[in-house]
Amino acid sequence: MDLESLRQLCLSFAGVKEDIKWEHDLCFLVGDKMFCVTGLEQPSPVSFKVKPEEFEEMVSKNGIEPAPYLARASWVAVQKSSALSQNEWKFYVGQSYELIKSKLPAKLRNNLKG
């Protein structure tokens, strides 16, 4: 997944904003909470949240590691784009969006619909 394809995917979800944090990381946020992060300089790992029960299986794949600083919250870092198929990229980035969105206050979540 190249940077532009990742941007298009992330920005296709309701209420998503992008921001540059830590001077060189492109972050995708829903309700000001990150759900996907990558570096502006490519190639760069792409990090996102997975379900806790999926974490060990994900990091056992070649090219996927625990995300620095966020692994304790079930975040993974995809080091090799080829570690996931196009459908898996869409699934896991979309799932990360939904996991983060589900933790937002109900009023904010409801404003994201549509």
PDB file of N, CA and C in Angstrom:
ATOM      1  N   MET A   1       0.861  -1.171   0.000  1.00  0.00           N
ATOM      2  CA  MET A   1       0.000   0.000   0.000  1.00  0.00           C
ATOM      3  C   MET A   1       0.905   1.231   0.000  1.00  0.00           C
ATOM      4  N   ASP A   2       0.787   2.036  -1.034  1.00  0.00           N
ATOM      5  CA  ASP A   2       1.592   3.246  -1.100  1.00  0.00           C
ATOM      6  C   ASP A   2       0.913   4.361  -0.300  1.00  0.00           C
ATOM      7  N   LEU A   3       1.634   5.436  -0.075  1.00  0.00           N
ATOM      8  CA  LEU A   3       1.150   6.517   0.782  1.00  0.00           C
ATOM      9  C   LEU A   3      -0.147   7.126   0.255  1.00  0.00           C
ATOM     10  N   GLU A   4      -0.235   7.367  -1.038  1.00  0.00           N
ATOM     11  CA  GLU A   4      -1.445   7.990  -1.581  1.00  0.00           C
ATOM     12  C   GLU A   4      -2.652   7.065  -1.452  1.00  0.00           C
ATOM     13  N   SER A   5      -2.458   5.770  -1.675  1.00  0.00           N
ATOM     14  CA  SER A   5      -3.567   4.813  -1.509  1.00  0.00           C
ATOM     15  C   SER A   5      -4.007   4.750  -0.052  1.00  0.00           C
ATOM     16  N   LEU A   6      -3.041   4.780   0.868  1.00  0.00           N
ATOM     17  CA  LEU A   6      -3.372   4.782   2.296  1.00  0.00           C
ATOM     18  C   LEU A   6      -4.160   6.044   2.654  1.00  0.00           C
ATOM     19  N   ARG A   7      -3.725   7.185   2.157  1.00  0.00           N
ATOM     20  CA  ARG A   7      -4.436   8.452   2.414  1.00  0.00           C
ATOM     21  C   ARG A   7      -5.875   8.367   1.907  1.00  0.00           C
ATOM     22  N   GLN A   8      -6.048   7.875   0.682  1.00  0.00           N
ATOM     23  CA  GLN A   8      -7.395   7.769   0.108  1.00  0.00           C
ATOM     24  C   GLN A   8      -8.274   6.855   0.944  1.00  0.00           C
ATOM     25  N   LEU A   9      -7.714   5.735   1.373  1.00  0.00           N
ATOM     26  CA  LEU A   9      -8.477   4.797   2.195  1.00  0.00           C
ATOM     27  C   LEU A   9      -8.879   5.449   3.514  1.00  0.00           C
ATOM     28  N   CYS A  10      -7.924   6.011   4.228  1.00  0.00           N
ATOM     29  CA  CYS A  10      -8.214   6.598   5.543  1.00  0.00           C
ATOM     30  C   CYS A  10      -9.190   7.765   5.447  1.00  0.00           C
ATOM     31  N   LEU A  11      -9.013   8.603   4.439  1.00  0.00           N
ATOM     32  CA  LEU A  11      -9.885   9.774   4.305  1.00  0.00           C
ATOM     33  C   LEU A  11     -11.277   9.412   3.788  1.00  0.00           C
ATOM     34  N   SER A  12     -11.480   8.166   3.373  1.00  0.00           N
ATOM     35  CA  SER A  12     -12.806   7.738   2.923  1.00  0.00           C
ATOM     36  C   SER A  12     -13.752   7.459   4.091  1.00  0.00           C
ATOM     37  N   PHE A  13     -13.220   7.346   5.305  1.00  0.00           N
ATOM     38  CA  PHE A  13     -14.050   7.090   6.483  1.00  0.00           C
ATOM     39  C   PHE A  13     -14.617   8.405   7.013  1.00  0.00           C
ATOM     40  N   ALA A  14     -15.813   8.342   7.564  1.00  0.00           N
ATOM     41  CA  ALA A  14     -16.503   9.542   8.060  1.00  0.00           C
ATOM     42  C   ALA A  14     -15.721  10.226   9.179  1.00  0.00           C
ATOM     43  N   GLY A  15     -15.595  11.540   9.068  1.00  0.00           N
ATOM     44  CA  GLY A  15     -15.027  12.346  10.137  1.00  0.00           C
ATOM     45  C   GLY A  15     -13.522  12.260  10.310  1.00  0.00           C
ATOM     46  N   VAL A  16     -12.803  11.743   9.321  1.00  0.00           N
ATOM     47  CA  VAL A  16     -11.353  11.576   9.451  1.00  0.00           C
ATOM     48  C   VAL A  16     -10.625  12.864   9.078  1.00  0.00           C
ATOM     49  N   LYS A  17      -9.629  13.166   9.889  1.00  0.00           N
ATOM     50  CA  LYS A  17      -8.730  14.281   9.622  1.00  0.00           C
ATOM     51  C   LYS A  17      -7.318  13.731   9.584  1.00  0.00           C
ATOM     52  N   GLU A  18      -6.452  14.419   8.873  1.00  0.00           N
ATOM     53  CA  GLU A  18      -5.045  14.032   8.896  1.00  0.00           C
ATOM     54  C   GLU A  18      -4.254  15.158   9.549  1.00  0.00           C
ATOM     55  N   ASP A  19      -3.175  14.765  10.199  1.00  0.00           N
ATOM     56  CA  ASP A  19      -2.348  15.725  10.922  1.00  0.00           C
ATOM     57  C   ASP A  19      -0.907  15.220  10.900  1.00  0.00           C
ATOM     58  N   ILE A  20       0.017  16.149  10.963  1.00  0.00           N
ATOM     59  CA  ILE A  20       1.426  15.784  11.069  1.00  0.00           C
ATOM     60  C   ILE A  20       1.827  15.966  12.524  1.00  0.00           C
ATOM     61  N   LYS A  21       2.311  14.896  13.124  1.00  0.00           N
ATOM     62  CA  LYS A  21       2.746  14.914  14.518  1.00  0.00           C
ATOM     63  C   LYS A  21       4.219  14.535  14.584  1.00  0.00           C
ATOM     64  N   TRP A  22       4.854  14.961  15.617  1.00  0.00           N
ATOM     65  CA  TRP A  22       6.258  14.628  15.861  1.00  0.00           C
ATOM     66  C   TRP A  22       7.136  14.984  14.657  1.00  0.00           C
ATOM     67  N   GLU A  23       6.743  16.008  13.933  1.00  0.00           N
ATOM     68  CA  GLU A  23       7.478  16.595  12.808  1.00  0.00           C
ATOM     69  C   GLU A  23       7.529  15.768  11.533  1.00  0.00           C
ATOM     70  N   HIS A  24       7.347  14.465  11.611  1.00  0.00           N
ATOM     71  CA  HIS A  24       7.486  13.664  10.392  1.00  0.00           C
ATOM     72  C   HIS A  24       6.528  12.485  10.295  1.00  0.00           C
ATOM     73  N   ASP A  25       5.514  12.431  11.151  1.00  0.00           N
ATOM     74  CA  ASP A  25       4.553  11.329  11.090  1.00  0.00           C
ATOM     75  C   ASP A  25       3.200  11.835  10.620  1.00  0.00           C
ATOM     76  N   LEU A  26       2.660  11.163   9.603  1.00  0.00           N
ATOM     77  CA  LEU A  26       1.336  11.475   9.092  1.00  0.00           C
ATOM     78  C   LEU A  26       0.334  10.626   9.859  1.00  0.00           C
ATOM     79  N   CYS A  27      -0.544  11.287  10.591  1.00  0.00           N
ATOM     80  CA  CYS A  27      -1.510  10.599  11.450  1.00  0.00           C
ATOM     81  C   CYS A  27      -2.919  10.813  10.912  1.00  0.00           C
ATOM     82  N   PHE A  28      -3.705   9.768  10.946  1.00  0.00           N
ATOM     83  CA  PHE A  28      -5.113   9.840  10.568  1.00  0.00           C
ATOM     84  C   PHE A  28      -5.918   9.698  11.852  1.00  0.00           C
ATOM     85  N   LEU A  29      -6.849  10.641  12.041  1.00  0.00           N
ATOM     86  CA  LEU A  29      -7.567  10.724  13.308  1.00  0.00           C
ATOM     87  C   LEU A  29      -9.073  10.723  13.101  1.00  0.00           C
ATOM     88  N   VAL A  30      -9.757  10.136  14.054  1.00  0.00           N
ATOM     89  CA  VAL A  30     -11.205  10.238  14.131  1.00  0.00           C
ATOM     90  C   VAL A  30     -11.504  10.761  15.536  1.00  0.00           C
ATOM     91  N   GLY A  31     -12.219  11.874  15.610  1.00  0.00           N
ATOM     92  CA  GLY A  31     -12.483  12.479  16.911  1.00  0.00           C
ATOM     93  C   GLY A  31     -11.205  12.837  17.647  1.00  0.00           C
ATOM     94  N   ASP A  32     -10.192  13.270  16.929  1.00  0.00           N
ATOM     95  CA  ASP A  32      -8.877  13.638  17.476  1.00  0.00           C
ATOM     96  C   ASP A  32      -8.121  12.470  18.092  1.00  0.00           C
ATOM     97  N   LYS A  33      -8.526  11.244  17.797  1.00  0.00           N
ATOM     98  CA  LYS A  33      -7.822  10.037  18.253  1.00  0.00           C
ATOM     99  C   LYS A  33      -7.214   9.335  17.039  1.00  0.00           C
ATOM    100  N   MET A  34      -5.945   8.978  17.137  1.00  0.00           N
ATOM    101  CA  MET A  34      -5.260   8.312  16.027  1.00  0.00           C
ATOM    102  C   MET A  34      -5.800   6.907  15.807  1.00  0.00           C
ATOM    103  N   PHE A  35      -5.934   6.540  14.523  1.00  0.00           N
ATOM    104  CA  PHE A  35      -6.245   5.147  14.208  1.00  0.00           C
ATOM    105  C   PHE A  35      -5.259   4.571  13.195  1.00  0.00           C
ATOM    106  N   CYS A  36      -4.443   5.422  12.569  1.00  0.00           N
ATOM    107  CA  CYS A  36      -3.440   4.963  11.618  1.00  0.00           C
ATOM    108  C   CYS A  36      -2.332   6.005  11.541  1.00  0.00           C
ATOM    109  N   VAL A  37      -1.078   5.531  11.498  1.00  0.00           N
ATOM    110  CA  VAL A  37       0.078   6.422  11.481  1.00  0.00           C
ATOM    111  C   VAL A  37       1.122   5.865  10.517  1.00  0.00           C
ATOM    112  N   THR A  38       1.744   6.751   9.747  1.00  0.00           N
ATOM    113  CA  THR A  38       2.871   6.376   8.908  1.00  0.00           C
ATOM    114  C   THR A  38       3.825   7.564   8.820  1.00  0.00           C
ATOM    115  N   GLY A  39       4.980   7.343   8.280  1.00  0.00           N
ATOM    116  CA  GLY A  39       5.942   8.421   8.128  1.00  0.00           C
ATOM    117  C   GLY A  39       5.735   9.165   6.827  1.00  0.00           C
ATOM    118  N   LEU A  40       6.101  10.433   6.814  1.00  0.00           N
ATOM    119  CA  LEU A  40       6.038  11.207   5.584  1.00  0.00           C
ATOM    120  C   LEU A  40       7.100  10.746   4.594  1.00  0.00           C
ATOM    121  N   GLU A  41       8.239  10.313   5.115  1.00  0.00           N
ATOM    122  CA  GLU A  41       9.312   9.787   4.274  1.00  0.00           C
ATOM    123  C   GLU A  41       9.012   8.317   3.995  1.00  0.00           C
ATOM    124  N   GLN A  42       8.888   7.979   2.736  1.00  0.00           N
ATOM    125  CA  GLN A  42       8.596   6.603   2.362  1.00  0.00           C
ATOM    126  C   GLN A  42       9.842   5.933   1.806  1.00  0.00           C
ATOM    127  N   PRO A  43      10.044   4.629   1.996  1.00  0.00           N
ATOM    128  CA  PRO A  43       9.138   3.725   2.705  1.00  0.00           C
ATOM    129  C   PRO A  43       9.192   3.940   4.212  1.00  0.00           C
ATOM    130  N   SER A  44       8.058   3.730   4.828  1.00  0.00           N
ATOM    131  CA  SER A  44       7.925   3.895   6.269  1.00  0.00           C
ATOM    132  C   SER A  44       6.878   2.906   6.762  1.00  0.00           C
ATOM    133  N   PRO A  45       7.027   2.385   7.980  1.00  0.00           N
ATOM    134  CA  PRO A  45       6.007   1.464   8.498  1.00  0.00           C
ATOM    135  C   PRO A  45       4.647   2.155   8.616  1.00  0.00           C
ATOM    136  N   VAL A  46       3.612   1.359   8.573  1.00  0.00           N
ATOM    137  CA  VAL A  46       2.251   1.839   8.805  1.00  0.00           C
ATOM    138  C   VAL A  46       1.759   1.150  10.072  1.00  0.00           C
ATOM    139  N   SER A  47       1.315   1.951  11.037  1.00  0.00           N
ATOM    140  CA  SER A  47       0.843   1.398  12.309  1.00  0.00           C
ATOM    141  C   SER A  47      -0.653   1.621  12.462  1.00  0.00           C
ATOM    142  N   PHE A  48      -1.317   0.635  13.044  1.00  0.00           N
ATOM    143  CA  PHE A  48      -2.747   0.739  13.322  1.00  0.00           C
ATOM    144  C   PHE A  48      -3.109  -0.232  14.437  1.00  0.00           C
ATOM    145  N   LYS A  49      -4.292  -0.036  14.996  1.00  0.00           N
ATOM    146  CA  LYS A  49      -4.779  -0.866  16.098  1.00  0.00           C
ATOM    147  C   LYS A  49      -5.464  -2.113  15.555  1.00  0.00           C
ATOM    148  N   VAL A  50      -5.259  -3.242  16.247  1.00  0.00           N
ATOM    149  CA  VAL A  50      -5.980  -4.473  15.943  1.00  0.00           C
ATOM    150  C   VAL A  50      -6.692  -4.933  17.223  1.00  0.00           C
ATOM    151  N   LYS A  51      -7.572  -5.894  17.075  1.00  0.00           N
ATOM    152  CA  LYS A  51      -8.219  -6.460  18.255  1.00  0.00           C
ATOM    153  C   LYS A  51      -7.175  -7.186  19.093  1.00  0.00           C
ATOM    154  N   PRO A  52      -7.285  -7.116  20.425  1.00  0.00           N
ATOM    155  CA  PRO A  52      -6.293  -7.781  21.279  1.00  0.00           C
ATOM    156  C   PRO A  52      -6.100  -9.255  20.935  1.00  0.00           C
ATOM    157  N   GLU A  53      -7.169  -9.938  20.567  1.00  0.00           N
ATOM    158  CA  GLU A  53      -7.065 -11.363  20.256  1.00  0.00           C
ATOM    159  C   GLU A  53      -6.382 -11.614  18.907  1.00  0.00           C
ATOM    160  N   GLU A  54      -6.214 -10.579  18.078  1.00  0.00           N
ATOM    161  CA  GLU A  54      -5.532 -10.720  16.790  1.00  0.00           C
ATOM    162  C   GLU A  54      -4.050 -10.332  16.865  1.00  0.00           C
ATOM    163  N   PHE A  55      -3.661  -9.661  17.923  1.00  0.00           N
ATOM    164  CA  PHE A  55      -2.333  -9.068  18.016  1.00  0.00           C
ATOM    165  C   PHE A  55      -1.209 -10.082  17.808  1.00  0.00           C
ATOM    166  N   GLU A  56      -1.201 -11.178  18.555  1.00  0.00           N
ATOM    167  CA  GLU A  56      -0.121 -12.166  18.462  1.00  0.00           C
ATOM    168  C   GLU A  56      -0.027 -12.784  17.066  1.00  0.00           C
ATOM    169  N   GLU A  57      -1.175 -13.076  16.483  1.00  0.00           N
ATOM    170  CA  GLU A  57      -1.170 -13.647  15.134  1.00  0.00           C
ATOM    171  C   GLU A  57      -0.603 -12.646  14.120  1.00  0.00           C
ATOM    172  N   MET A  58      -0.983 -11.393  14.268  1.00  0.00           N
ATOM    173  CA  MET A  58      -0.502 -10.364  13.337  1.00  0.00           C
ATOM    174  C   MET A  58       1.015 -10.203  13.437  1.00  0.00           C
ATOM    175  N   VAL A  59       1.545 -10.094  14.643  1.00  0.00           N
ATOM    176  CA  VAL A  59       2.986  -9.855  14.785  1.00  0.00           C
ATOM    177  C   VAL A  59       3.822 -11.101  14.487  1.00  0.00           C
ATOM    178  N   SER A  60       3.170 -12.238  14.334  1.00  0.00           N
ATOM    179  CA  SER A  60       3.904 -13.442  13.941  1.00  0.00           C
ATOM    180  C   SER A  60       4.118 -13.489  12.426  1.00  0.00           C
ATOM    181  N   LYS A  61       3.446 -12.623  11.680  1.00  0.00           N
ATOM    182  CA  LYS A  61       3.604 -12.574  10.225  1.00  0.00           C
ATOM    183  C   LYS A  61       4.905 -11.869   9.867  1.00  0.00           C
ATOM    184  N   ASN A  62       5.531 -12.350   8.829  1.00  0.00           N
ATOM    185  CA  ASN A  62       6.754 -11.727   8.329  1.00  0.00           C
ATOM    186  C   ASN A  62       6.432 -10.313   7.844  1.00  0.00           C
ATOM    187  N   GLY A  63       7.161  -9.331   8.366  1.00  0.00           N
ATOM    188  CA  GLY A  63       6.953  -7.949   7.943  1.00  0.00           C
ATOM    189  C   GLY A  63       6.041  -7.142   8.845  1.00  0.00           C
ATOM    190  N   ILE A  64       5.545  -7.752   9.933  1.00  0.00           N
ATOM    191  CA  ILE A  64       4.684  -7.043  10.876  1.00  0.00           C
ATOM    192  C   ILE A  64       5.277  -7.202  12.274  1.00  0.00           C
ATOM    193  N   GLU A  65       5.374  -6.087  12.992  1.00  0.00           N
ATOM    194  CA  GLU A  65       5.969  -6.080  14.333  1.00  0.00           C
ATOM    195  C   GLU A  65       5.051  -5.337  15.311  1.00  0.00           C
ATOM    196  N   PRO A  66       5.279  -5.510  16.598  1.00  0.00           N
ATOM    197  CA  PRO A  66       4.568  -4.663  17.566  1.00  0.00           C
ATOM    198  C   PRO A  66       4.950  -3.202  17.315  1.00  0.00           C
ATOM    199  N   ALA A  67       3.984  -2.315  17.352  1.00  0.00           N
ATOM    200  CA  ALA A  67       4.255  -0.894  17.111  1.00  0.00           C
ATOM    201  C   ALA A  67       4.971  -0.287  18.316  1.00  0.00           C
ATOM    202  N   PRO A  68       6.065   0.433  18.067  1.00  0.00           N
ATOM    203  CA  PRO A  68       6.770   1.084  19.175  1.00  0.00           C
ATOM    204  C   PRO A  68       5.825   1.998  19.960  1.00  0.00           C
ATOM    205  N   TYR A  69       5.916   1.943  21.264  1.00  0.00           N
ATOM    206  CA  TYR A  69       5.143   2.774  22.201  1.00  0.00           C
ATOM    207  C   TYR A  69       3.660   2.426  22.272  1.00  0.00           C
ATOM    208  N   LEU A  70       3.116   1.739  21.271  1.00  0.00           N
ATOM    209  CA  LEU A  70       1.672   1.483  21.246  1.00  0.00           C
ATOM    210  C   LEU A  70       1.307   0.002  21.273  1.00  0.00           C
ATOM    211  N   ALA A  71       2.300  -0.879  21.322  1.00  0.00           N
ATOM    212  CA  ALA A  71       2.020  -2.316  21.293  1.00  0.00           C
ATOM    213  C   ALA A  71       1.150  -2.738  22.471  1.00  0.00           C
ATOM    214  N   ARG A  72       1.330  -2.105  23.615  1.00  0.00           N
ATOM    215  CA  ARG A  72       0.528  -2.482  24.789  1.00  0.00           C
ATOM    216  C   ARG A  72      -0.957  -2.201  24.579  1.00  0.00           C
ATOM    217  N   ALA A  73      -1.268  -1.350  23.590  1.00  0.00           N
ATOM    218  CA  ALA A  73      -2.662  -1.051  23.249  1.00  0.00           C
ATOM    219  C   ALA A  73      -3.080  -1.794  21.973  1.00  0.00           C
ATOM    220  N   SER A  74      -2.350  -2.877  21.652  1.00  0.00           N
ATOM    221  CA  SER A  74      -2.649  -3.738  20.495  1.00  0.00           C
ATOM    222  C   SER A  74      -2.480  -3.031  19.148  1.00  0.00           C
ATOM    223  N   TRP A  75      -1.419  -2.251  19.042  1.00  0.00           N
ATOM    224  CA  TRP A  75      -1.074  -1.639  17.761  1.00  0.00           C
ATOM    225  C   TRP A  75       0.057  -2.436  17.126  1.00  0.00           C
ATOM    226  N   VAL A  76      -0.026  -2.589  15.797  1.00  0.00           N
ATOM    227  CA  VAL A  76       1.012  -3.266  15.039  1.00  0.00           C
ATOM    228  C   VAL A  76       1.649  -2.277  14.067  1.00  0.00           C
ATOM    229  N   ALA A  77       2.862  -2.581  13.640  1.00  0.00           N
ATOM    230  CA  ALA A  77       3.568  -1.786  12.640  1.00  0.00           C
ATOM    231  C   ALA A  77       3.872  -2.691  11.448  1.00  0.00           C
ATOM    232  N   VAL A  78       3.282  -2.378  10.313  1.00  0.00           N
ATOM    233  CA  VAL A  78       3.528  -3.143   9.098  1.00  0.00           C
ATOM    234  C   VAL A  78       4.774  -2.563   8.435  1.00  0.00           C
ATOM    235  N   GLN A  79       5.858  -3.330   8.477  1.00  0.00           N
ATOM    236  CA  GLN A  79       7.144  -2.891   7.936  1.00  0.00           C
ATOM    237  C   GLN A  79       7.238  -3.096   6.423  1.00  0.00           C
ATOM    238  N   LYS A  80       6.572  -4.143   5.951  1.00  0.00           N
ATOM    239  CA  LYS A  80       6.576  -4.472   4.519  1.00  0.00           C
ATOM    240  C   LYS A  80       5.145  -4.402   4.007  1.00  0.00           C
ATOM    241  N   SER A  81       4.913  -3.540   3.048  1.00  0.00           N
ATOM    242  CA  SER A  81       3.575  -3.392   2.485  1.00  0.00           C
ATOM    243  C   SER A  81       3.009  -4.720   1.994  1.00  0.00           C
ATOM    244  N   SER A  82       3.900  -5.583   1.481  1.00  0.00           N
ATOM    245  CA  SER A  82       3.468  -6.869   0.928  1.00  0.00           C
ATOM    246  C   SER A  82       3.052  -7.875   2.005  1.00  0.00           C
ATOM    247  N   ALA A  83       3.210  -7.525   3.280  1.00  0.00           N
ATOM    248  CA  ALA A  83       2.807  -8.430   4.358  1.00  0.00           C
ATOM    249  C   ALA A  83       1.292  -8.620   4.396  1.00  0.00           C
ATOM    250  N   LEU A  84       0.565  -7.669   3.805  1.00  0.00           N
ATOM    251  CA  LEU A  84      -0.892  -7.745   3.751  1.00  0.00           C
ATOM    252  C   LEU A  84      -1.365  -7.596   2.306  1.00  0.00           C
ATOM    253  N   SER A  85      -2.425  -8.296   1.968  1.00  0.00           N
ATOM    254  CA  SER A  85      -3.044  -8.126   0.647  1.00  0.00           C
ATOM    255  C   SER A  85      -3.840  -6.813   0.642  1.00  0.00           C
ATOM    256  N   GLN A  86      -4.254  -6.375  -0.532  1.00  0.00           N
ATOM    257  CA  GLN A  86      -5.061  -5.147  -0.623  1.00  0.00           C
ATOM    258  C   GLN A  86      -6.328  -5.262   0.228  1.00  0.00           C
ATOM    259  N   ASN A  87      -6.973  -6.429   0.182  1.00  0.00           N
ATOM    260  CA  ASN A  87      -8.192  -6.630   0.979  1.00  0.00           C
ATOM    261  C   ASN A  87      -7.890  -6.600   2.469  1.00  0.00           C
ATOM    262  N   GLU A  88      -6.752  -7.172   2.874  1.00  0.00           N
ATOM    263  CA  GLU A  88      -6.371  -7.140   4.290  1.00  0.00           C
ATOM    264  C   GLU A  88      -6.075  -5.710   4.730  1.00  0.00           C
ATOM    265  N   TRP A  89      -5.402  -4.933   3.874  1.00  0.00           N
ATOM    266  CA  TRP A  89      -5.156  -3.528   4.216  1.00  0.00           C
ATOM    267  C   TRP A  89      -6.476  -2.814   4.484  1.00  0.00           C
ATOM    268  N   LYS A  90      -7.424  -2.967   3.583  1.00  0.00           N
ATOM    269  CA  LYS A  90      -8.724  -2.303   3.743  1.00  0.00           C
ATOM    270  C   LYS A  90      -9.413  -2.785   5.017  1.00  0.00           C
ATOM    271  N   PHE A  91      -9.372  -4.098   5.258  1.00  0.00           N
ATOM    272  CA  PHE A  91     -10.024  -4.650   6.439  1.00  0.00           C
ATOM    273  C   PHE A  91      -9.402  -4.106   7.726  1.00  0.00           C
ATOM    274  N   TYR A  92      -8.080  -4.231   7.863  1.00  0.00           N
ATOM    275  CA  TYR A  92      -7.442  -3.870   9.130  1.00  0.00           C
ATOM    276  C   TYR A  92      -7.414  -2.364   9.391  1.00  0.00           C
ATOM    277  N   VAL A  93      -7.221  -1.549   8.379  1.00  0.00           N
ATOM    278  CA  VAL A  93      -7.276  -0.099   8.587  1.00  0.00           C
ATOM    279  C   VAL A  93      -8.708   0.310   8.920  1.00  0.00           C
ATOM    280  N   GLY A  94      -9.677  -0.283   8.236  1.00  0.00           N
ATOM    281  CA  GLY A  94     -11.085  -0.005   8.546  1.00  0.00           C
ATOM    282  C   GLY A  94     -11.456  -0.463   9.947  1.00  0.00           C
ATOM    283  N   GLN A  95     -10.955  -1.624  10.332  1.00  0.00           N
ATOM    284  CA  GLN A  95     -11.214  -2.131  11.678  1.00  0.00           C
ATOM    285  C   GLN A  95     -10.590  -1.209  12.725  1.00  0.00           C
ATOM    286  N   SER A  96      -9.385  -0.730  12.472  1.00  0.00           N
ATOM    287  CA  SER A  96      -8.733   0.190  13.406  1.00  0.00           C
ATOM    288  C   SER A  96      -9.580   1.450  13.582  1.00  0.00           C
ATOM    289  N   TYR A  97     -10.062   1.988  12.473  1.00  0.00           N
ATOM    290  CA  TYR A  97     -10.956   3.155  12.519  1.00  0.00           C
ATOM    291  C   TYR A  97     -12.162   2.859  13.412  1.00  0.00           C
ATOM    292  N   GLU A  98     -12.800   1.720  13.197  1.00  0.00           N
ATOM    293  CA  GLU A  98     -13.994   1.358  13.975  1.00  0.00           C
ATOM    294  C   GLU A  98     -13.668   1.143  15.452  1.00  0.00           C
ATOM    295  N   LEU A  99     -12.523   0.520  15.751  1.00  0.00           N
ATOM    296  CA  LEU A  99     -12.129   0.292  17.149  1.00  0.00           C
ATOM    297  C   LEU A  99     -11.934   1.625  17.879  1.00  0.00           C
ATOM    298  N   ILE A 100     -11.259   2.562  17.226  1.00  0.00           N
ATOM    299  CA  ILE A 100     -11.023   3.865  17.848  1.00  0.00           C
ATOM    300  C   ILE A 100     -12.331   4.653  17.934  1.00  0.00           C
ATOM    301  N   LYS A 101     -13.103   4.638  16.874  1.00  0.00           N
ATOM    302  CA  LYS A 101     -14.381   5.368  16.854  1.00  0.00           C
ATOM    303  C   LYS A 101     -15.318   4.860  17.947  1.00  0.00           C
ATOM    304  N   SER A 102     -15.299   3.561  18.211  1.00  0.00           N
ATOM    305  CA  SER A 102     -16.213   2.978  19.199  1.00  0.00           C
ATOM    306  C   SER A 102     -15.925   3.469  20.618  1.00  0.00           C
ATOM    307  N   LYS A 103     -14.723   3.984  20.853  1.00  0.00           N
ATOM    308  CA  LYS A 103     -14.350   4.481  22.183  1.00  0.00           C
ATOM    309  C   LYS A 103     -14.647   5.965  22.364  1.00  0.00           C
ATOM    310  N   LEU A 104     -15.098   6.626  21.300  1.00  0.00           N
ATOM    311  CA  LEU A 104     -15.422   8.047  21.398  1.00  0.00           C
ATOM    312  C   LEU A 104     -16.735   8.230  22.150  1.00  0.00           C
ATOM    313  N   PRO A 105     -16.946   9.402  22.758  1.00  0.00           N
ATOM    314  CA  PRO A 105     -18.239   9.677  23.387  1.00  0.00           C
ATOM    315  C   PRO A 105     -19.375   9.549  22.377  1.00  0.00           C
ATOM    316  N   ALA A 106     -20.520   9.068  22.831  1.00  0.00           N
ATOM    317  CA  ALA A 106     -21.654   8.806  21.945  1.00  0.00           C
ATOM    318  C   ALA A 106     -22.034  10.015  21.112  1.00  0.00           C
ATOM    319  N   LYS A 107     -22.046  11.192  21.698  1.00  0.00           N
ATOM    320  CA  LYS A 107     -22.443  12.393  20.956  1.00  0.00           C
ATOM    321  C   LYS A 107     -21.502  12.632  19.773  1.00  0.00           C
ATOM    322  N   LEU A 108     -20.222  12.493  20.011  1.00  0.00           N
ATOM    323  CA  LEU A 108     -19.246  12.681  18.938  1.00  0.00           C
ATOM    324  C   LEU A 108     -19.376  11.580  17.892  1.00  0.00           C
ATOM    325  N   ARG A 109     -19.524  10.333  18.334  1.00  0.00           N
ATOM    326  CA  ARG A 109     -19.697   9.193  17.418  1.00  0.00           C
ATOM    327  C   ARG A 109     -20.894   9.408  16.518  1.00  0.00           C
ATOM    328  N   ASN A 110     -22.009   9.843  17.095  1.00  0.00           N
ATOM    329  CA  ASN A 110     -23.229  10.041  16.319  1.00  0.00           C
ATOM    330  C   ASN A 110     -23.082  11.148  15.285  1.00  0.00           C
ATOM    331  N   ASN A 111     -22.253  12.140  15.571  1.00  0.00           N
ATOM    332  CA  ASN A 111     -22.030  13.230  14.617  1.00  0.00           C
ATOM    333  C   ASN A 111     -21.185  12.802  13.425  1.00  0.00           C
ATOM    334  N   LEU A 112     -20.532  11.644  13.521  1.00  0.00           N
ATOM    335  CA  LEU A 112     -19.678  11.157  12.442  1.00  0.00           C
ATOM    336  C   LEU A 112     -20.445  10.412  11.362  1.00  0.00           C
ATOM    337  N   LYS A 113     -21.654  10.021  11.633  1.00  0.00           N
ATOM    338  CA  LYS A 113     -22.427   9.222  10.673  1.00  0.00           C
ATOM    339  C   LYS A 113     -22.645   9.998   9.386  1.00  0.00           C
ATOM    340  N   GLY A 114     -22.584   9.215   8.289  1.00  0.00           N
ATOM    341  CA  GLY A 114     -22.861   9.784   6.981  1.00  0.00           C
ATOM    342  C   GLY A 114     -21.693  10.468   6.435  1.00  0.00           C
TER     343      GLY A 114
END
